[in-house]
Amino acid sequence: MSATLAPLEPARRRHRLRRALTETGSVLLAVVILIWSLAPVYNMFLIALDPEEGEIEFDGNLWPPEPSLEGFREVITQEARYLETFWHQFGNSFFIGLLTMVLTVLIGSLASFAVSRMRLSKGSLLTNAALLTYAIPASFLIVPYFRIMHSYGLSDNPWAVIATQVTFATPFAILLLQLYASLIPFELDDAARVDGASAGQVYLRIYLPLMTLRWRSSRFTPCCSPGTTICSRPCCSRCAT
């Protein structure tokens, strides 16, 4: 028995060595990416603590010699230069971000539901047509978009920015949500329709709850018996039984 296993030992050692080198390289790459990602944030933090308004970045210091929170106080009290209307600007940014998120998710979820769950004969054309917007450089659309917003009286209105953000974010949201929806068994929709559920009820009571579950769990997969249960693990005790 030992003579049979003896030729396998060098192969096992090479496998363990290759695995250790792979894990070491992965850890080193992760550390480099982490430092690369956090370095700009740390630099902004140093500038914020610098009482000389950012001159520390030219000195090569890793920490300000005299850190101060005066910059934060000036921003909060709107005493800083160019920030006399800070809270108004912050409110506009929050409003634009919130409305962009809500409208993108709403439009993207409705479109992905129609394409992936309603069994439309030409449903794929909707997704492909939406993705065509990424083939046109955004710089080419600045002038015509400005003329459109000006004609509607929205040239100096947050809704113009919201419309722009939603327009460019919705195609990717449709594609992403459509891929998520492909993990939901169609048998659930068919069972709901047999019980008399309308398309709106299927969207609100089946599609949205299961999509929310998919967002919360990165390991979401259909169970071993599709159409009955959906779990957050590839194989759970209920599926096994």
Foldseek 3Di string as FASTA:
>chain_A
DCVVCVVVVVVVVVVVVVVVVVVVVVVVVVVVVVCVVCVVVQLVVQLQQAPVNNPVVVVPDSHHPHGDNVSVVCQVVVVDPPRVPVVVVVVLVVVLVVLLVVLLLVLLLVLLCCLQQVPDPCSVVVLVVLVCVVVDDPVVCPVVLCVVCVVVVNNPPSVSVSVVSSSNRNSVSNVVLNVVQVQADNLQVVVVVVVPDDSVCCSVPPVVVVSVVCVVAVQWHQEPDHNPDTDRHNYDPVSVD
